[in-house]
Amino acid sequence: MNNHKTKRRTEEILTVLREAERADIAELAERLNVSRETIRRDARALEELGTIVKTHGTLSLPHHLGEASFERRMRENAEAKIAIARTAADLVHDGDSMIIDTGTTTTFFARELRKRRNLTVVTNSTEIARLLVTVKGNRVFLAGGEMSADDGAAYGPTTAEYVSRFNPKYAFISISAIDAVHGPTDASLPEADFGRVAFNTANIGIILCDSSKFGMTSLVKVCPLEQVDIIITEKAPDAPLTNLLANNQVRLLVCDT
């Protein structure tokens, strides 16, 4: 059994379920270009771990009724995300300016930033704006656009155009995946577009990324690796990706958990 292929497949299954809440085995088999039996085998392993629920040929994520998927993702790898957020906050000084995109790790990061003062923050996240606007001396600019019911963030051309007017010191973004072939990628085109504009606008581009994203790829490219200045994570990626980051002069910050 190819463990790497199995891992990639199960991550893709979970990505589909996070986006669509549920999916048929037949649909997943067609989408992933594998047999239905392969999906059933992957599903049994995930079900034994309590990661998914299988009912009459349909897979879904276990969650409380009415709970948004963003709230579930806040609990996934929470310890690693909090450690990453604290390390990222250590880079920020009173008076700094930055763009922060929406995401679970960036939300933890915003919580850590409440220890700083006089920040200028541009964000598309209503939650991040809410966390930081009440801190004394902060200036918070909330980009408008079409709102997402999942994470309460704004996306679209209006959002990107607004953000492009700024020239902050930092851009802190989250991603869905990163590998040695495609670089940073995201599952959502609007989220990838926001990250791309943020990196084009800021002087220093920083990705906050827990190790579950390494060696994975998602649908939409965010930016070339040479545009990334720093990646903050809790565990270094495997040798091919680590070497590629070094060759592109990307600084890898591995934090303690």
Protein backbone atom coordinates (compact mmCIF):
# COMPACT_ATOMS: atom_id res chain seq x y z
CA MET A 1 0.00 0.00 0.00
CA ASN A 2 1.31 3.47 -0.92
CA ASN A 3 0.97 5.39 2.34
CA HIS A 4 1.72 8.73 0.67
CA LYS A 5 -1.07 8.26 -1.89
CA THR A 6 -3.45 7.13 0.85
CA LYS A 7 -2.63 10.21 2.94
CA ARG A 8 -3.16 12.54 -0.02
CA ARG A 9 -6.46 10.85 -0.84
CA THR A 10 -7.81 11.03 2.71
CA GLU A 11 -6.86 14.71 2.91
CA GLU A 12 -8.74 15.33 -0.34
CA ILE A 13 -11.76 13.48 1.04
CA LEU A 14 -11.70 15.62 4.18
CA THR A 15 -11.31 18.79 2.10
CA VAL A 16 -14.42 17.87 0.09
CA LEU A 17 -16.39 17.15 3.26
CA ARG A 18 -15.33 20.43 4.88
CA GLU A 19 -16.60 22.31 1.85
CA ALA A 20 -19.76 20.32 1.06
CA GLU A 21 -20.58 18.85 4.51
CA ARG A 22 -21.32 15.43 2.91
CA ALA A 23 -20.52 13.46 -0.25
CA ASP A 24 -21.48 10.15 -1.87
CA ILE A 25 -18.83 7.46 -2.24
CA ALA A 26 -19.55 7.30 -5.97
CA GLU A 27 -19.00 11.05 -6.35
CA LEU A 28 -15.73 10.90 -4.42
CA ALA A 29 -14.48 7.96 -6.48
CA GLU A 30 -15.13 9.86 -9.69
CA ARG A 31 -13.61 13.07 -8.39
CA LEU A 32 -10.45 11.37 -7.10
CA ASN A 33 -10.26 9.01 -10.11
CA VAL A 34 -10.14 5.84 -8.00
CA SER A 35 -12.48 2.89 -7.45
CA ARG A 36 -15.43 2.99 -5.07
CA GLU A 37 -13.78 0.21 -3.08
CA THR A 38 -10.71 2.40 -2.56
CA ILE A 39 -12.93 5.16 -1.18
CA ARG A 40 -14.76 2.65 1.04
CA ARG A 41 -11.41 1.41 2.41
CA ASP A 42 -10.26 4.98 3.12
CA ALA A 43 -13.64 5.73 4.69
CA ARG A 44 -13.42 2.73 7.02
CA ALA A 45 -10.03 3.93 8.29
CA LEU A 46 -11.33 7.47 8.84
CA GLU A 47 -14.49 6.17 10.51
CA GLU A 48 -12.45 4.05 12.94
CA LEU A 49 -10.58 7.23 13.94
CA GLY A 50 -13.87 9.05 14.47
CA THR A 51 -12.94 11.59 11.78
CA ILE A 52 -15.98 10.94 9.57
CA VAL A 53 -19.41 9.35 9.73
CA LYS A 54 -20.57 6.87 7.03
CA THR A 55 -24.29 6.42 6.44
CA HIS A 56 -25.83 4.49 3.51
CA GLY A 57 -23.01 5.23 1.07
CA THR A 58 -22.66 8.86 2.15
CA LEU A 59 -19.74 10.32 4.09
CA SER A 60 -19.99 13.33 6.38
CA LEU A 61 -18.10 15.01 9.19
CA PRO A 62 -19.26 14.53 12.79
CA HIS A 63 -20.34 17.84 14.23
CA HIS A 64 -23.00 19.50 16.30
CA LEU A 65 -26.13 20.60 14.46
CA GLY A 66 -25.75 24.10 13.03
CA GLU A 67 -22.06 24.43 13.83
CA ALA A 68 -20.11 26.19 11.07
CA SER A 69 -17.18 24.41 9.47
CA PHE A 70 -14.86 27.30 10.41
CA GLU A 71 -15.61 26.61 14.08
CA ARG A 72 -14.68 22.96 13.59
CA ARG A 73 -11.43 23.91 11.88
CA MET A 74 -10.51 26.11 14.84
CA ARG A 75 -10.25 22.90 16.89
CA GLU A 76 -8.17 20.97 14.34
CA ASN A 77 -4.43 21.02 15.21
CA ALA A 78 -5.25 23.80 17.67
CA GLU A 79 -2.09 23.30 19.75
CA ALA A 80 0.14 23.69 16.69
CA LYS A 81 -1.81 26.70 15.43
CA ILE A 82 -1.55 28.48 18.78
CA ALA A 83 2.22 27.88 18.88
CA ILE A 84 2.54 29.22 15.33
CA ALA A 85 0.45 32.27 16.24
CA ARG A 86 2.67 33.07 19.23
CA THR A 87 5.84 32.79 17.15
CA ALA A 88 4.34 35.04 14.48
CA ALA A 89 3.31 37.60 17.10
CA ASP A 90 6.91 37.72 18.34
CA LEU A 91 7.88 39.22 14.96
CA VAL A 92 5.46 42.11 15.41
CA HIS A 93 6.33 45.27 17.34
CA ASP A 94 4.15 48.12 18.57
CA GLY A 95 3.36 50.44 15.68
CA ASP A 96 3.76 47.86 12.88
CA SER A 97 1.41 47.64 9.91
CA MET A 98 0.10 44.46 8.29
CA ILE A 99 -2.48 42.67 6.18
CA ILE A 100 -4.03 39.57 7.77
CA ASP A 101 -6.24 37.22 5.78
CA THR A 102 -9.03 35.13 7.23
CA GLY A 103 -8.15 31.69 8.57
CA THR A 104 -8.05 29.64 11.75
CA THR A 105 -4.32 30.13 12.38
CA THR A 106 -4.53 33.83 11.55
CA THR A 107 -7.43 34.14 14.00
CA PHE A 108 -5.25 32.65 16.75
CA PHE A 109 -2.55 35.09 15.60
CA ALA A 110 -4.93 38.04 15.95
CA ARG A 111 -5.68 36.98 19.52
CA GLU A 112 -1.95 37.08 20.29
CA LEU A 113 -1.67 40.53 18.72
CA ARG A 114 -3.91 41.99 21.41
CA LYS A 115 -0.70 42.25 23.49
CA ARG A 116 0.64 44.84 20.98
CA ARG A 117 -0.32 48.49 20.66
CA ASN A 118 -0.72 51.05 17.88
CA LEU A 119 -0.97 48.50 15.08
CA THR A 120 -2.36 49.25 11.63
CA VAL A 121 -4.26 46.19 10.40
CA VAL A 122 -5.96 45.57 7.07
CA THR A 123 -8.12 42.45 6.95
CA ASN A 124 -11.05 40.84 5.19
CA SER A 125 -12.07 39.00 8.38
CA THR A 126 -14.81 40.46 10.55
CA GLU A 127 -13.60 38.29 13.46
CA ILE A 128 -9.99 39.51 13.21
CA ALA A 129 -11.22 43.10 12.88
CA ARG A 130 -13.40 42.67 15.96
CA LEU A 131 -10.51 41.23 17.99
CA LEU A 132 -8.13 44.08 17.20
CA VAL A 133 -10.25 47.20 16.77
CA THR A 134 -10.81 47.64 20.51
CA VAL A 135 -7.09 47.59 21.39
CA LYS A 136 -5.88 51.04 22.35
CA GLY A 137 -4.14 52.88 19.54
CA ASN A 138 -4.93 50.34 16.81
CA ARG A 139 -6.23 51.36 13.39
CA VAL A 140 -8.20 48.59 11.68
CA PHE A 141 -9.32 48.68 8.04
CA LEU A 142 -11.94 46.10 7.09
CA ALA A 143 -12.08 45.28 3.38
CA GLY A 144 -15.58 44.98 1.95
CA GLY A 145 -16.99 42.53 -0.57
CA GLU A 146 -19.23 39.49 -0.73
CA MET A 147 -19.45 37.92 2.71
CA SER A 148 -18.86 34.23 3.40
CA ALA A 149 -21.30 32.58 5.81
CA ASP A 150 -18.60 30.09 6.83
CA ASP A 151 -15.92 32.41 8.22
CA GLY A 152 -17.52 35.85 8.17
CA ALA A 153 -14.94 37.20 5.71
CA ALA A 154 -15.27 39.29 2.56
CA TYR A 155 -14.01 38.21 -0.86
CA GLY A 156 -14.06 39.30 -4.47
CA PRO A 157 -12.67 42.03 -6.76
CA THR A 158 -13.79 44.84 -4.47
CA THR A 159 -11.94 43.25 -1.54
CA ALA A 160 -8.75 42.79 -3.53
CA GLU A 161 -8.84 46.33 -4.96
CA TYR A 162 -9.27 47.85 -1.51
CA VAL A 163 -6.36 45.90 -0.03
CA SER A 164 -4.09 46.81 -2.95
CA ARG A 165 -4.21 50.49 -1.90
CA PHE A 166 -2.10 49.82 1.21
CA ASN A 167 1.65 49.44 1.65
CA PRO A 168 2.08 47.58 4.97
CA LYS A 169 5.22 46.08 6.44
CA TYR A 170 3.82 42.54 6.68
CA ALA A 171 1.29 40.25 5.07
CA PHE A 172 0.28 37.25 7.19
CA ILE A 173 -1.73 34.67 5.27
CA SER A 174 -2.92 31.09 5.69
CA ILE A 175 -3.00 28.41 2.97
CA SER A 176 -4.64 25.03 2.35
CA ALA A 177 -1.53 23.19 1.15
CA ILE A 178 2.08 23.46 0.02
CA ASP A 179 4.34 21.03 -1.81
CA ALA A 180 7.60 21.02 -3.76
CA VAL A 181 5.84 21.01 -7.14
CA HIS A 182 3.07 23.59 -6.90
CA GLY A 183 4.20 25.76 -3.97
CA PRO A 184 1.49 27.39 -1.81
CA THR A 185 -2.06 26.52 -2.90
CA ASP A 186 -5.57 27.09 -1.63
CA ALA A 187 -8.90 25.33 -2.04
CA SER A 188 -10.73 28.60 -2.77
CA LEU A 189 -10.07 30.95 -5.69
CA PRO A 190 -11.20 34.09 -3.78
CA GLU A 191 -9.00 33.18 -0.79
CA ALA A 192 -6.02 32.54 -3.06
CA ASP A 193 -6.62 35.85 -4.83
CA PHE A 194 -6.67 37.69 -1.50
CA GLY A 195 -3.38 36.10 -0.43
CA ARG A 196 -1.78 36.94 -3.77
CA VAL A 197 -2.78 40.60 -3.53
CA ALA A 198 -1.63 40.76 0.10
CA PHE A 199 1.82 39.45 -0.85
CA ASN A 200 2.06 41.82 -3.83
CA THR A 201 1.25 44.73 -1.52
CA ALA A 202 3.32 44.05 1.61
CA ASN A 203 7.08 44.34 2.07
CA ILE A 204 7.39 40.99 3.91
CA GLY A 205 5.18 38.02 3.06
CA ILE A 206 4.63 35.43 5.80
CA ILE A 207 2.70 32.16 5.63
CA LEU A 208 1.30 30.63 8.83
CA CYS A 209 1.04 26.93 8.13
CA ASP A 210 0.79 23.86 10.37
CA SER A 211 2.61 20.74 9.21
CA SER A 212 -0.56 18.94 8.08
CA LYS A 213 -0.44 21.16 4.96
CA PHE A 214 3.03 19.99 3.87
CA GLY A 215 3.32 17.64 0.92
CA MET A 216 -0.27 18.40 -0.05
CA THR A 217 -1.68 20.34 -2.98
CA SER A 218 -4.96 22.16 -3.45
CA LEU A 219 -6.85 23.61 -6.38
CA VAL A 220 -5.58 27.19 -6.79
CA LYS A 221 -2.01 28.53 -6.81
CA VAL A 222 -1.45 31.39 -4.37
CA CYS A 223 1.98 32.74 -5.32
CA PRO A 224 5.45 31.61 -6.44
CA LEU A 225 7.74 30.48 -3.63
CA GLU A 226 10.23 33.27 -4.33
CA GLN A 227 7.56 35.72 -3.22
CA VAL A 228 7.39 34.12 0.24
CA ASP A 229 9.79 35.53 2.84
CA ILE A 230 8.93 33.41 5.90
CA ILE A 231 6.96 30.25 6.67
CA ILE A 232 6.09 29.64 10.33
CA THR A 233 5.19 26.08 11.32
CA GLU A 234 5.45 23.66 14.24
CA LYS A 235 7.29 20.90 12.35
CA ALA A 236 9.69 21.11 9.43
CA PRO A 237 8.58 19.57 6.10
CA ASP A 238 10.38 16.67 4.43
CA ALA A 239 13.74 17.16 2.69
CA PRO A 240 12.51 17.99 -0.85
CA LEU A 241 10.30 20.85 0.33
CA THR A 242 12.80 22.05 2.94
CA ASN A 243 15.53 22.20 0.29
CA LEU A 244 13.24 23.99 -2.14
CA LEU A 245 12.41 26.61 0.47
CA ALA A 246 16.11 27.16 1.14
CA ASN A 247 16.85 27.45 -2.60
CA ASN A 248 14.17 30.13 -2.88
CA GLN A 249 15.53 31.96 0.19
CA VAL A 250 12.39 31.29 2.21
CA ARG A 251 13.11 31.46 5.93
CA LEU A 252 11.58 28.52 7.82
CA LEU A 253 10.66 29.24 11.44
CA VAL A 254 9.85 26.07 13.39
CA CYS A 255 8.21 26.88 16.71
CA ASP A 256 8.01 24.84 19.91
CA THR A 257 4.67 23.30 20.82
